[in-house]
Amino acid sequence: MPASWPHLSGALRGDTHILPVRVYYEDTDFSGIVYHANYLRFLERGRTDFLRLAGCDQSALHADGQGIVFAVRRMTLDFLRPARMDDVLTVETRTAEVRGASLSIAQRILRGEDLIVTADVRVAAIAGGRAARIPESLRRILQPGTPA
């Protein structure tokens, strides 16, 4: 099914992944504003689809519990404006830095030109419960400024 719906993963523009996300009733609190924890879900979708379109098959990386998994180690968020039900948001994701066993990822959520949320995310590569060096092939794909 994924091949028949390629737009579900967003698009790559240079080194930045763009993912449109519609805000549904379930994403909001009693006042109709996006509940703060739901931005984490939008950001996770952006990171996952960024890796997918960049050529990193996470399912293959950690198939059968072997290999590498990525885990969020640290995340700094700045909530700048509220998003509301029926808004169409854009989640932008790009690699800021690649280190031995971790990545820094810069993310933004926008509504049109309005910046809603910024996130600086440190993601650790883990294998067998311990930090693991990111494979060179993946490191080349994820280098900042590299068109994916």
C-alpha atoms as a PDB file:
ATOM      1  CA  MET A   1       0.000   0.000   0.000  1.00  0.00           C
ATOM      2  CA  PRO A   2       2.791   2.581   0.705  1.00  0.00           C
ATOM      3  CA  ALA A   3       3.742   2.766  -2.986  1.00  0.00           C
ATOM      4  CA  SER A   4       0.220   3.851  -3.918  1.00  0.00           C
ATOM      5  CA  TRP A   5       0.172   6.662  -1.322  1.00  0.00           C
ATOM      6  CA  PRO A   6       3.688   8.196  -1.464  1.00  0.00           C
ATOM      7  CA  HIS A   7       2.481  11.633  -0.401  1.00  0.00           C
ATOM      8  CA  LEU A   8       1.568  10.275   3.062  1.00  0.00           C
ATOM      9  CA  SER A   9       5.253  10.531   3.981  1.00  0.00           C
ATOM     10  CA  GLY A  10       5.528  14.179   2.971  1.00  0.00           C
ATOM     11  CA  ALA A  11       8.345  15.378   0.733  1.00  0.00           C
ATOM     12  CA  LEU A  12      12.033  16.227   0.811  1.00  0.00           C
ATOM     13  CA  ARG A  13      13.080  19.721  -0.239  1.00  0.00           C
ATOM     14  CA  GLY A  14      16.852  19.888  -0.208  1.00  0.00           C
ATOM     15  CA  ASP A  15      17.933  18.719   3.245  1.00  0.00           C
ATOM     16  CA  THR A  16      14.553  19.452   4.847  1.00  0.00           C
ATOM     17  CA  HIS A  17      11.618  17.093   5.165  1.00  0.00           C
ATOM     18  CA  ILE A  18       8.147  18.676   4.867  1.00  0.00           C
ATOM     19  CA  LEU A  19       5.115  16.884   6.333  1.00  0.00           C
ATOM     20  CA  PRO A  20       1.604  18.359   6.265  1.00  0.00           C
ATOM     21  CA  VAL A  21      -0.553  17.513   9.289  1.00  0.00           C
ATOM     22  CA  ARG A  22      -4.217  18.386   9.784  1.00  0.00           C
ATOM     23  CA  VAL A  23      -5.378  19.105  13.337  1.00  0.00           C
ATOM     24  CA  TYR A  24      -8.361  16.947  14.296  1.00  0.00           C
ATOM     25  CA  TYR A  25     -10.778  17.246  17.200  1.00  0.00           C
ATOM     26  CA  GLU A  26      -8.898  14.440  18.994  1.00  0.00           C
ATOM     27  CA  ASP A  27      -5.724  16.595  18.948  1.00  0.00           C
ATOM     28  CA  THR A  28      -7.322  19.441  20.897  1.00  0.00           C
ATOM     29  CA  ASP A  29      -8.223  20.141  24.496  1.00  0.00           C
ATOM     30  CA  PHE A  30     -11.544  21.435  25.813  1.00  0.00           C
ATOM     31  CA  SER A  31     -10.861  24.894  24.374  1.00  0.00           C
ATOM     32  CA  GLY A  32     -10.238  23.707  20.801  1.00  0.00           C
ATOM     33  CA  ILE A  33      -6.475  24.328  20.987  1.00  0.00           C
ATOM     34  CA  VAL A  34      -3.948  21.577  20.275  1.00  0.00           C
ATOM     35  CA  TYR A  35      -3.022  19.870  23.538  1.00  0.00           C
ATOM     36  CA  HIS A  36       0.710  20.373  24.112  1.00  0.00           C
ATOM     37  CA  ALA A  37       1.610  16.657  24.194  1.00  0.00           C
ATOM     38  CA  ASN A  38       0.120  16.154  20.728  1.00  0.00           C
ATOM     39  CA  TYR A  39       2.850  18.308  19.206  1.00  0.00           C
ATOM     40  CA  LEU A  40       5.229  15.502  20.233  1.00  0.00           C
ATOM     41  CA  ARG A  41       3.239  13.114  18.030  1.00  0.00           C
ATOM     42  CA  PHE A  42       3.393  15.504  15.076  1.00  0.00           C
ATOM     43  CA  LEU A  43       7.154  15.886  15.562  1.00  0.00           C
ATOM     44  CA  GLU A  44       7.660  12.106  15.813  1.00  0.00           C
ATOM     45  CA  ARG A  45       5.796  11.614  12.540  1.00  0.00           C
ATOM     46  CA  GLY A  46       8.078  14.200  10.951  1.00  0.00           C
ATOM     47  CA  ARG A  47      11.248  12.449  12.167  1.00  0.00           C
ATOM     48  CA  THR A  48       9.986   9.021  11.115  1.00  0.00           C
ATOM     49  CA  ASP A  49       8.965  10.104   7.620  1.00  0.00           C
ATOM     50  CA  PHE A  50      12.174  12.120   7.221  1.00  0.00           C
ATOM     51  CA  LEU A  51      14.200   8.955   7.844  1.00  0.00           C
ATOM     52  CA  ARG A  52      11.909   6.927   5.577  1.00  0.00           C
ATOM     53  CA  LEU A  53      12.278   9.317   2.627  1.00  0.00           C
ATOM     54  CA  ALA A  54      16.005   9.745   3.258  1.00  0.00           C
ATOM     55  CA  GLY A  55      16.397   6.013   2.629  1.00  0.00           C
ATOM     56  CA  CYS A  56      16.571   4.753   6.221  1.00  0.00           C
ATOM     57  CA  ASP A  57      14.237   1.806   6.700  1.00  0.00           C
ATOM     58  CA  GLN A  58      13.825   1.774  10.489  1.00  0.00           C
ATOM     59  CA  SER A  59      11.947  -1.533  10.375  1.00  0.00           C
ATOM     60  CA  ALA A  60      14.944  -3.159   8.694  1.00  0.00           C
ATOM     61  CA  LEU A  61      17.398  -1.447  11.068  1.00  0.00           C
ATOM     62  CA  HIS A  62      15.875  -3.114  14.107  1.00  0.00           C
ATOM     63  CA  ALA A  63      14.147  -6.182  12.666  1.00  0.00           C
ATOM     64  CA  ASP A  64      13.641  -9.004  15.145  1.00  0.00           C
ATOM     65  CA  GLY A  65      15.098  -6.903  17.963  1.00  0.00           C
ATOM     66  CA  GLN A  66      18.547  -6.893  16.345  1.00  0.00           C
ATOM     67  CA  GLY A  67      20.409  -3.872  15.050  1.00  0.00           C
ATOM     68  CA  ILE A  68      19.904  -0.199  15.774  1.00  0.00           C
ATOM     69  CA  VAL A  69      16.941   1.679  17.173  1.00  0.00           C
ATOM     70  CA  PHE A  70      16.705   5.431  17.655  1.00  0.00           C
ATOM     71  CA  ALA A  71      15.517   6.806  20.997  1.00  0.00           C
ATOM     72  CA  VAL A  72      14.888  10.420  21.933  1.00  0.00           C
ATOM     73  CA  ARG A  73      17.409  11.350  24.607  1.00  0.00           C
ATOM     74  CA  ARG A  74      16.595  15.041  24.963  1.00  0.00           C
ATOM     75  CA  MET A  75      14.075  17.426  23.478  1.00  0.00           C
ATOM     76  CA  THR A  76      13.770  21.169  23.926  1.00  0.00           C
ATOM     77  CA  LEU A  77      10.473  22.663  22.792  1.00  0.00           C
ATOM     78  CA  ASP A  78       9.384  26.248  22.415  1.00  0.00           C
ATOM     79  CA  PHE A  79       5.625  26.765  22.097  1.00  0.00           C
ATOM     80  CA  LEU A  80       5.163  30.077  20.291  1.00  0.00           C
ATOM     81  CA  ARG A  81       1.532  30.135  19.104  1.00  0.00           C
ATOM     82  CA  PRO A  82      -1.489  27.864  19.494  1.00  0.00           C
ATOM     83  CA  ALA A  83      -2.781  25.652  16.724  1.00  0.00           C
ATOM     84  CA  ARG A  84      -6.508  24.929  16.494  1.00  0.00           C
ATOM     85  CA  MET A  85      -8.858  22.314  15.144  1.00  0.00           C
ATOM     86  CA  ASP A  86      -8.869  22.097  11.329  1.00  0.00           C
ATOM     87  CA  ASP A  87      -5.551  23.954  10.988  1.00  0.00           C
ATOM     88  CA  VAL A  88      -3.195  22.473   8.415  1.00  0.00           C
ATOM     89  CA  LEU A  89       0.286  22.491   9.882  1.00  0.00           C
ATOM     90  CA  THR A  90       3.644  21.851   8.286  1.00  0.00           C
ATOM     91  CA  VAL A  91       6.250  19.873  10.214  1.00  0.00           C
ATOM     92  CA  GLU A  92       9.772  20.649   8.972  1.00  0.00           C
ATOM     93  CA  THR A  93      12.599  18.291   9.946  1.00  0.00           C
ATOM     94  CA  ARG A  94      16.309  18.441   9.164  1.00  0.00           C
ATOM     95  CA  THR A  95      19.495  17.032  10.607  1.00  0.00           C
ATOM     96  CA  ALA A  96      21.469  19.628  12.545  1.00  0.00           C
ATOM     97  CA  GLU A  97      24.416  17.406  13.581  1.00  0.00           C
ATOM     98  CA  VAL A  98      25.562  13.804  13.301  1.00  0.00           C
ATOM     99  CA  ARG A  99      27.840  12.469  16.027  1.00  0.00           C
ATOM    100  CA  GLY A 100      29.185   9.003  16.736  1.00  0.00           C
ATOM    101  CA  ALA A 101      26.090   7.486  18.327  1.00  0.00           C
ATOM    102  CA  SER A 102      23.611  10.355  18.163  1.00  0.00           C
ATOM    103  CA  LEU A 103      21.879  12.892  15.951  1.00  0.00           C
ATOM    104  CA  SER A 104      20.685  16.411  16.610  1.00  0.00           C
ATOM    105  CA  ILE A 105      17.512  17.139  14.697  1.00  0.00           C
ATOM    106  CA  ALA A 106      15.989  20.594  14.224  1.00  0.00           C
ATOM    107  CA  GLN A 107      12.234  20.717  13.793  1.00  0.00           C
ATOM    108  CA  ARG A 108       9.615  23.395  13.296  1.00  0.00           C
ATOM    109  CA  ILE A 109       5.847  23.339  13.092  1.00  0.00           C
ATOM    110  CA  LEU A 110       4.253  26.099  11.062  1.00  0.00           C
ATOM    111  CA  ARG A 111       0.760  27.202  10.101  1.00  0.00           C
ATOM    112  CA  GLY A 112       1.338  28.980   6.826  1.00  0.00           C
ATOM    113  CA  GLU A 113       4.073  31.494   7.627  1.00  0.00           C
ATOM    114  CA  ASP A 114       3.337  31.484  11.376  1.00  0.00           C
ATOM    115  CA  LEU A 115       5.864  29.577  13.478  1.00  0.00           C
ATOM    116  CA  ILE A 116       3.950  27.514  16.054  1.00  0.00           C
ATOM    117  CA  VAL A 117       6.569  25.278  17.733  1.00  0.00           C
ATOM    118  CA  THR A 118      10.313  24.746  17.501  1.00  0.00           C
ATOM    119  CA  ALA A 119      12.068  21.602  18.720  1.00  0.00           C
ATOM    120  CA  ASP A 120      15.715  20.691  19.134  1.00  0.00           C
ATOM    121  CA  VAL A 121      15.942  16.917  19.479  1.00  0.00           C
ATOM    122  CA  ARG A 122      18.892  14.715  20.452  1.00  0.00           C
ATOM    123  CA  VAL A 123      18.343  11.135  19.268  1.00  0.00           C
ATOM    124  CA  ALA A 124      20.566   8.280  20.442  1.00  0.00           C
ATOM    125  CA  ALA A 125      21.367   5.187  18.368  1.00  0.00           C
ATOM    126  CA  ILE A 126      21.022   2.091  20.525  1.00  0.00           C
ATOM    127  CA  ALA A 127      21.802  -1.585  19.902  1.00  0.00           C
ATOM    128  CA  GLY A 128      21.479  -4.289  22.527  1.00  0.00           C
ATOM    129  CA  GLY A 129      20.520  -1.734  25.151  1.00  0.00           C
ATOM    130  CA  ARG A 130      23.691   0.347  24.697  1.00  0.00           C
ATOM    131  CA  ALA A 131      24.780   3.332  22.638  1.00  0.00           C
ATOM    132  CA  ALA A 132      25.873   2.234  19.166  1.00  0.00           C
ATOM    133  CA  ARG A 133      27.816   3.991  16.451  1.00  0.00           C
ATOM    134  CA  ILE A 134      25.640   5.089  13.552  1.00  0.00           C
ATOM    135  CA  PRO A 135      26.655   3.091  10.455  1.00  0.00           C
ATOM    136  CA  GLU A 136      28.688   5.051   7.907  1.00  0.00           C
ATOM    137  CA  SER A 137      26.094   4.516   5.153  1.00  0.00           C
ATOM    138  CA  LEU A 138      23.411   6.079   7.340  1.00  0.00           C
ATOM    139  CA  ARG A 139      25.776   8.809   8.537  1.00  0.00           C
ATOM    140  CA  ARG A 140      26.334   9.909   4.897  1.00  0.00           C
ATOM    141  CA  ILE A 141      22.575  10.127   4.294  1.00  0.00           C
ATOM    142  CA  LEU A 142      21.948  12.152   7.448  1.00  0.00           C
ATOM    143  CA  GLN A 143      24.807  14.663   7.252  1.00  0.00           C
ATOM    144  CA  PRO A 144      23.487  18.236   7.659  1.00  0.00           C
ATOM    145  CA  GLY A 145      23.149  20.033   4.347  1.00  0.00           C
ATOM    146  CA  THR A 146      23.072  16.783   2.369  1.00  0.00           C
ATOM    147  CA  PRO A 147      20.102  16.652   0.019  1.00  0.00           C
ATOM    148  CA  ALA A 148      18.277  13.485   0.957  1.00  0.00           C
END
